[in-house]
Amino acid sequence: MPELPEVETICRGLAGHLVGRRLIEVSVRRHDLRQPIPADFAQKLTGRVVLEISRRAKYLLMYLDDDTVVVGHLGMSGRLFVQKPPLPSAALPPTGAHDHVVFHLSAPIAGPSQSDGGLRVVYNDPRRFGLLVLGVASALKKHPLLRELGPEPLSPNFTGAVLAANVAGRRSPIKAALLDQGVVAGLGNIYVSEALFRARISPERAAGSLTRAECGQLVKSIRSVLEDALAAGGSTLRDYVQADGAVGSFQNLFRVYDREGQRCPRRGCPGLIRRVVQAARATYFCPLCQR
């Protein structure tokens, strides 16, 4: 499942192409995603201008010029990618069996010319675990998918004190606590494992046992991992690609994730990377240098 760096990378890629363009046609080929696409989805979007593309946790947000917001989640296998002119014919490409929504866009409204013709954005999702629903910009914080989310990990408001308060009294492992989107938004299996390694904290530690200092170090490690992953365009393990179809490269920089049995990369540590299952999720860590 794409995590914060992948969703942020896609948002940045889409924003460069979509902002300032009008949705001249929206084709919904299947409505039955994880949550059904609203029946009036195409009707509400057609004719609207894209003002902004942003992200909250693992959700992609497309703001339109009438206060409507498209709230998207890629689920396990979803992709959003841009097709530039010359476009394929009206019949979608051979992989079109899983292209569930197609957004047809005009040339830039404020552009110097019409030479930059229309393009389209395709939502492809073989397993249909993603979603595309609608919200209202002026009340977005109250949207059912967003209202319980915790702080953004790249925000200056996410501090060691905030994390310490959010995990205080929790007996669950810190790995599980960090996957709770109400504790901190946007993290998933990969980046939690990597951040805990950088912070030298065992994923099996009770979340409430972390000191204020350890929480401060963990916040720094979370931020550094996410920034490194963003610089690498995210991690491509299976389905994830950027908006232009390029793959991410952070998987080449993993220190513990998916490295079971390999030598710990920390200088001087003789440990071997271990894999355990926590809450049905694989966790990777060094049992010697993570305490």
Protein backbone atom coordinates (compact mmCIF):
# COMPACT_ATOMS: atom_id res chain seq x y z
CA MET A 1 0.00 0.00 0.00
CA PRO A 2 1.44 3.42 -0.89
CA GLU A 3 2.47 5.37 2.19
CA LEU A 4 3.02 9.09 2.74
CA PRO A 5 6.09 9.50 0.47
CA GLU A 6 4.41 7.72 -2.44
CA VAL A 7 1.15 9.65 -2.13
CA GLU A 8 3.00 12.96 -1.74
CA THR A 9 5.13 12.20 -4.80
CA ILE A 10 2.02 11.44 -6.85
CA CYS A 11 0.34 14.64 -5.61
CA ARG A 12 3.32 16.74 -6.64
CA GLY A 13 3.41 15.09 -10.05
CA LEU A 14 -0.31 15.55 -10.64
CA ALA A 15 -0.27 19.17 -9.46
CA GLY A 16 2.26 20.10 -12.11
CA HIS A 17 -0.10 18.86 -14.82
CA LEU A 18 -3.62 19.41 -13.49
CA VAL A 19 -3.73 22.73 -11.64
CA GLY A 20 -5.35 25.39 -13.82
CA ARG A 21 -7.05 22.92 -16.16
CA ARG A 22 -10.75 22.26 -16.59
CA LEU A 23 -12.29 18.80 -16.31
CA ILE A 24 -14.04 18.61 -19.66
CA GLU A 25 -15.19 15.02 -19.22
CA VAL A 26 -15.09 12.40 -16.47
CA SER A 27 -15.67 8.77 -17.40
CA VAL A 28 -16.52 6.33 -14.60
CA ARG A 29 -16.20 2.80 -15.90
CA ARG A 30 -16.73 1.03 -12.55
CA HIS A 31 -18.32 2.39 -9.40
CA ASP A 32 -17.65 -0.60 -7.13
CA LEU A 33 -14.38 0.30 -5.41
CA ARG A 34 -13.79 -0.17 -1.65
CA GLN A 35 -16.37 2.55 -1.21
CA PRO A 36 -18.69 3.00 -4.20
CA ILE A 37 -17.92 5.99 -6.36
CA PRO A 38 -20.89 8.38 -5.95
CA ALA A 39 -23.51 8.10 -8.68
CA ASP A 40 -23.21 11.83 -9.45
CA PHE A 41 -19.39 11.82 -9.40
CA ALA A 42 -18.92 12.58 -13.09
CA GLN A 43 -21.75 15.11 -13.16
CA LYS A 44 -20.35 17.09 -10.23
CA LEU A 45 -16.82 17.20 -11.62
CA THR A 46 -17.45 17.93 -15.28
CA GLY A 47 -16.76 21.57 -16.11
CA ARG A 48 -14.91 22.32 -12.90
CA VAL A 49 -11.37 23.78 -12.76
CA VAL A 50 -8.64 22.12 -10.68
CA LEU A 51 -7.30 24.64 -8.15
CA GLU A 52 -4.99 22.54 -6.02
CA ILE A 53 -3.72 19.02 -5.42
CA SER A 54 -2.59 18.18 -1.90
CA ARG A 55 -2.37 15.32 0.59
CA ARG A 56 -3.65 14.44 4.08
CA ALA A 57 -2.14 11.27 5.55
CA LYS A 58 -2.41 8.71 2.72
CA TYR A 59 -5.30 10.53 1.05
CA LEU A 60 -4.97 12.56 -2.13
CA LEU A 61 -7.09 15.73 -2.26
CA MET A 62 -8.14 17.46 -5.50
CA TYR A 63 -9.68 20.89 -4.84
CA LEU A 64 -12.06 22.25 -7.48
CA ASP A 65 -13.38 25.75 -8.10
CA ASP A 66 -16.84 25.17 -6.57
CA ASP A 67 -15.72 24.02 -3.07
CA THR A 68 -15.82 20.36 -4.13
CA VAL A 69 -12.89 18.14 -3.14
CA VAL A 70 -12.15 14.73 -4.62
CA VAL A 71 -10.80 12.53 -1.81
CA GLY A 72 -8.77 9.63 -3.18
CA HIS A 73 -6.99 6.64 -1.66
CA LEU A 74 -4.92 4.20 -3.70
CA GLY A 75 -5.58 1.16 -1.53
CA MET A 76 -3.32 -1.81 -2.26
CA SER A 77 -2.90 -1.55 -6.02
CA GLY A 78 -4.30 1.79 -7.18
CA ARG A 79 -2.45 4.11 -9.55
CA LEU A 80 -3.09 7.61 -10.85
CA PHE A 81 -1.08 8.47 -13.91
CA VAL A 82 -1.02 11.16 -16.56
CA GLN A 83 -1.42 10.51 -20.28
CA LYS A 84 -0.17 13.40 -22.41
CA PRO A 85 -1.00 14.17 -26.05
CA PRO A 86 -1.04 12.50 -28.44
CA LEU A 87 -3.55 10.43 -26.49
CA PRO A 88 -4.56 6.88 -27.30
CA SER A 89 -7.75 6.46 -29.26
CA ALA A 90 -11.14 6.47 -27.59
CA ALA A 91 -10.61 2.82 -26.79
CA LEU A 92 -8.42 2.77 -23.69
CA PRO A 93 -5.00 1.05 -23.74
CA PRO A 94 -4.77 -2.75 -23.48
CA THR A 95 -4.58 -2.54 -19.67
CA GLY A 96 -7.84 -0.59 -19.68
CA ALA A 97 -9.76 -3.42 -18.01
CA HIS A 98 -8.63 -1.94 -14.70
CA ASP A 99 -8.85 1.73 -15.69
CA HIS A 100 -11.92 2.56 -13.63
CA VAL A 101 -12.01 6.37 -13.91
CA VAL A 102 -10.64 8.65 -16.61
CA PHE A 103 -10.38 12.42 -16.14
CA HIS A 104 -10.19 14.34 -19.43
CA LEU A 105 -8.69 17.81 -19.01
CA SER A 106 -8.50 20.93 -21.14
CA ALA A 107 -5.40 22.86 -22.06
CA PRO A 108 -4.30 25.25 -19.26
CA ILE A 109 -6.91 27.99 -18.97
CA ALA A 110 -4.35 30.69 -18.22
CA GLY A 111 -1.69 29.35 -20.57
CA PRO A 112 -0.04 31.54 -23.19
CA SER A 113 -1.44 29.38 -25.98
CA GLN A 114 -3.38 26.23 -26.68
CA SER A 115 -0.25 24.41 -27.82
CA ASP A 116 -0.22 22.49 -24.54
CA GLY A 117 -3.34 20.56 -25.45
CA GLY A 118 -5.61 18.48 -23.28
CA LEU A 119 -4.48 15.46 -21.36
CA ARG A 120 -6.10 12.84 -19.22
CA VAL A 121 -5.51 11.24 -15.84
CA VAL A 122 -6.34 7.57 -15.38
CA TYR A 123 -7.21 5.84 -12.12
CA ASN A 124 -6.20 2.19 -12.44
CA ASP A 125 -6.86 -0.31 -9.65
CA PRO A 126 -6.78 -4.08 -10.35
CA ARG A 127 -7.84 -5.06 -6.82
CA ARG A 128 -10.32 -2.18 -6.35
CA PHE A 129 -9.29 -1.52 -2.73
CA GLY A 130 -8.89 2.19 -3.38
CA LEU A 131 -11.57 4.85 -3.33
CA LEU A 132 -12.65 8.11 -4.95
CA VAL A 133 -15.30 10.03 -3.01
CA LEU A 134 -16.39 13.63 -2.67
CA GLY A 135 -16.02 16.19 0.09
CA VAL A 136 -16.56 19.90 0.69
CA ALA A 137 -13.48 22.09 1.13
CA SER A 138 -15.06 24.32 3.76
CA ALA A 139 -15.88 21.30 5.95
CA LEU A 140 -13.09 18.91 4.99
CA LYS A 141 -11.76 18.47 8.54
CA LYS A 142 -15.11 16.91 9.42
CA HIS A 143 -15.06 14.41 6.54
CA PRO A 144 -15.55 10.86 7.90
CA LEU A 145 -12.26 9.68 6.35
CA LEU A 146 -10.21 12.58 7.70
CA ARG A 147 -11.65 13.77 11.00
CA GLU A 148 -9.88 11.22 13.25
CA LEU A 149 -6.43 11.56 11.71
CA GLY A 150 -3.45 12.47 13.86
CA PRO A 151 -0.72 15.03 13.15
CA GLU A 152 1.23 15.11 9.91
CA PRO A 153 4.74 13.74 10.58
CA LEU A 154 6.45 16.38 8.42
CA SER A 155 4.63 19.22 10.16
CA PRO A 156 6.51 21.32 12.74
CA ASN A 157 3.54 20.63 15.01
CA PHE A 158 4.60 16.98 15.25
CA THR A 159 7.11 16.99 18.12
CA GLY A 160 8.48 14.58 20.66
CA ALA A 161 6.10 16.00 23.23
CA VAL A 162 3.13 15.41 20.93
CA LEU A 163 4.17 11.84 20.20
CA ALA A 164 4.79 11.15 23.89
CA ALA A 165 1.30 12.40 24.73
CA ASN A 166 -0.27 10.33 21.95
CA VAL A 167 1.33 7.05 23.10
CA ALA A 168 1.16 7.65 26.86
CA GLY A 169 -0.24 4.64 28.69
CA ARG A 170 -0.34 2.41 25.61
CA ARG A 171 0.70 -1.19 26.19
CA SER A 172 0.69 -2.06 22.50
CA PRO A 173 4.07 -2.26 20.71
CA ILE A 174 5.41 1.05 19.42
CA LYS A 175 5.33 -0.38 15.87
CA ALA A 176 1.56 -0.90 16.14
CA ALA A 177 1.06 2.51 17.73
CA LEU A 178 2.83 4.28 14.86
CA LEU A 179 0.60 2.49 12.36
CA ASP A 180 -2.45 3.94 14.14
CA GLN A 181 -3.41 6.87 11.92
CA GLY A 182 -4.81 8.67 14.96
CA VAL A 183 -1.35 8.74 16.58
CA VAL A 184 0.45 10.05 13.50
CA ALA A 185 -0.93 10.26 9.97
CA GLY A 186 0.49 8.67 6.84
CA LEU A 187 2.95 6.09 8.14
CA GLY A 188 2.91 2.46 7.12
CA ASN A 189 4.94 -0.70 7.45
CA ILE A 190 8.01 0.35 5.51
CA TYR A 191 8.73 3.72 7.02
CA VAL A 192 7.88 2.75 10.59
CA SER A 193 10.39 -0.10 10.43
CA GLU A 194 13.03 2.17 8.94
CA ALA A 195 12.40 5.01 11.43
CA LEU A 196 12.55 2.71 14.45
CA PHE A 197 15.89 1.38 13.21
CA ARG A 198 17.32 4.88 12.85
CA ALA A 199 16.08 5.76 16.34
CA ARG A 200 17.54 2.50 17.79
CA ILE A 201 14.15 1.61 19.29
CA SER A 202 12.81 -1.94 19.25
CA PRO A 203 9.45 -2.31 17.50
CA GLU A 204 8.44 -4.66 20.32
CA ARG A 205 8.76 -2.00 23.05
CA ALA A 206 5.51 -1.00 24.71
CA ALA A 207 4.59 2.36 23.23
CA GLY A 208 3.92 3.89 26.65
CA SER A 209 7.39 2.92 27.87
CA LEU A 210 9.19 5.39 25.61
CA THR A 211 10.71 8.37 27.39
CA ARG A 212 10.20 11.95 26.22
CA ALA A 213 13.78 11.93 24.89
CA GLU A 214 13.19 8.71 22.96
CA CYS A 215 10.02 10.14 21.46
CA GLY A 216 11.98 13.20 20.39
CA GLN A 217 14.60 11.04 18.68
CA LEU A 218 11.91 8.95 17.05
CA VAL A 219 10.21 12.04 15.61
CA LYS A 220 13.54 13.13 14.11
CA SER A 221 14.05 9.66 12.63
CA ILE A 222 10.53 9.56 11.17
CA ARG A 223 11.09 12.93 9.55
CA SER A 224 14.49 12.00 8.13
CA VAL A 225 13.22 8.71 6.68
CA LEU A 226 10.27 10.42 5.01
CA GLU A 227 12.43 13.21 3.60
CA ASP A 228 14.91 10.67 2.19
CA ALA A 229 12.06 8.67 0.67
CA LEU A 230 10.54 11.78 -0.92
CA ALA A 231 13.90 12.67 -2.44
CA ALA A 232 14.00 9.17 -3.95
CA GLY A 233 10.47 9.37 -5.34
CA GLY A 234 9.11 6.80 -2.89
CA SER A 235 9.51 3.02 -2.81
CA THR A 236 8.44 0.77 -5.67
CA LEU A 237 7.93 -2.81 -4.51
CA ARG A 238 4.95 -3.90 -6.61
CA ASP A 239 2.35 -1.55 -8.05
CA TYR A 240 3.46 1.96 -7.13
CA VAL A 241 4.58 4.33 -9.87
CA GLN A 242 4.76 8.10 -9.96
CA ALA A 243 2.25 10.19 -11.92
CA ASP A 244 4.50 10.07 -15.00
CA GLY A 245 4.98 6.30 -14.74
CA ALA A 246 8.47 6.46 -13.23
CA VAL A 247 9.32 4.11 -10.37
CA GLY A 248 10.63 5.16 -6.98
CA SER A 249 14.11 4.17 -5.78
CA PHE A 250 14.03 4.31 -1.97
CA GLN A 251 13.75 0.51 -1.88
CA ASN A 252 17.44 0.51 -2.78
CA LEU A 253 18.18 2.37 0.47
CA PHE A 254 16.28 0.15 2.91
CA ARG A 255 18.33 -0.56 6.02
CA VAL A 256 16.08 -3.19 7.58
CA TYR A 257 12.82 -3.54 5.65
CA ASP A 258 12.70 -6.79 3.63
CA ARG A 259 16.30 -7.62 4.65
CA GLU A 260 15.64 -10.62 6.92
CA GLY A 261 18.81 -12.56 7.74
CA GLN A 262 21.17 -9.91 6.38
CA ARG A 263 23.86 -8.22 8.45
CA CYS A 264 22.80 -5.11 10.34
CA PRO A 265 24.05 -2.08 8.41
CA ARG A 266 24.97 -0.15 11.57
CA ARG A 267 28.74 0.06 11.86
CA GLY A 268 30.11 -2.25 14.51
CA CYS A 269 26.87 -4.16 15.07
CA PRO A 270 27.16 -7.93 14.46
CA GLY A 271 23.40 -8.47 14.52
CA LEU A 272 21.28 -10.01 11.78
CA ILE A 273 18.03 -8.44 10.65
CA ARG A 274 15.05 -10.27 12.10
CA ARG A 275 11.50 -10.51 10.80
CA VAL A 276 8.50 -10.82 13.11
CA VAL A 277 4.77 -10.51 12.53
CA GLN A 278 2.92 -7.86 14.53
CA ALA A 279 -0.82 -7.42 14.06
CA ALA A 280 -0.61 -9.41 10.81
CA ARG A 281 2.13 -7.08 9.48
CA ALA A 282 5.77 -7.94 8.86
CA THR A 283 8.25 -6.03 10.99
CA TYR A 284 12.01 -5.90 10.35
CA PHE A 285 14.59 -4.85 12.93
CA CYS A 286 17.97 -5.57 14.47
CA PRO A 287 17.51 -7.30 17.85
CA LEU A 288 20.97 -6.22 19.02
CA CYS A 289 21.09 -2.46 18.44
CA GLN A 290 17.38 -1.66 18.71
CA ARG A 291 16.30 -1.58 22.34
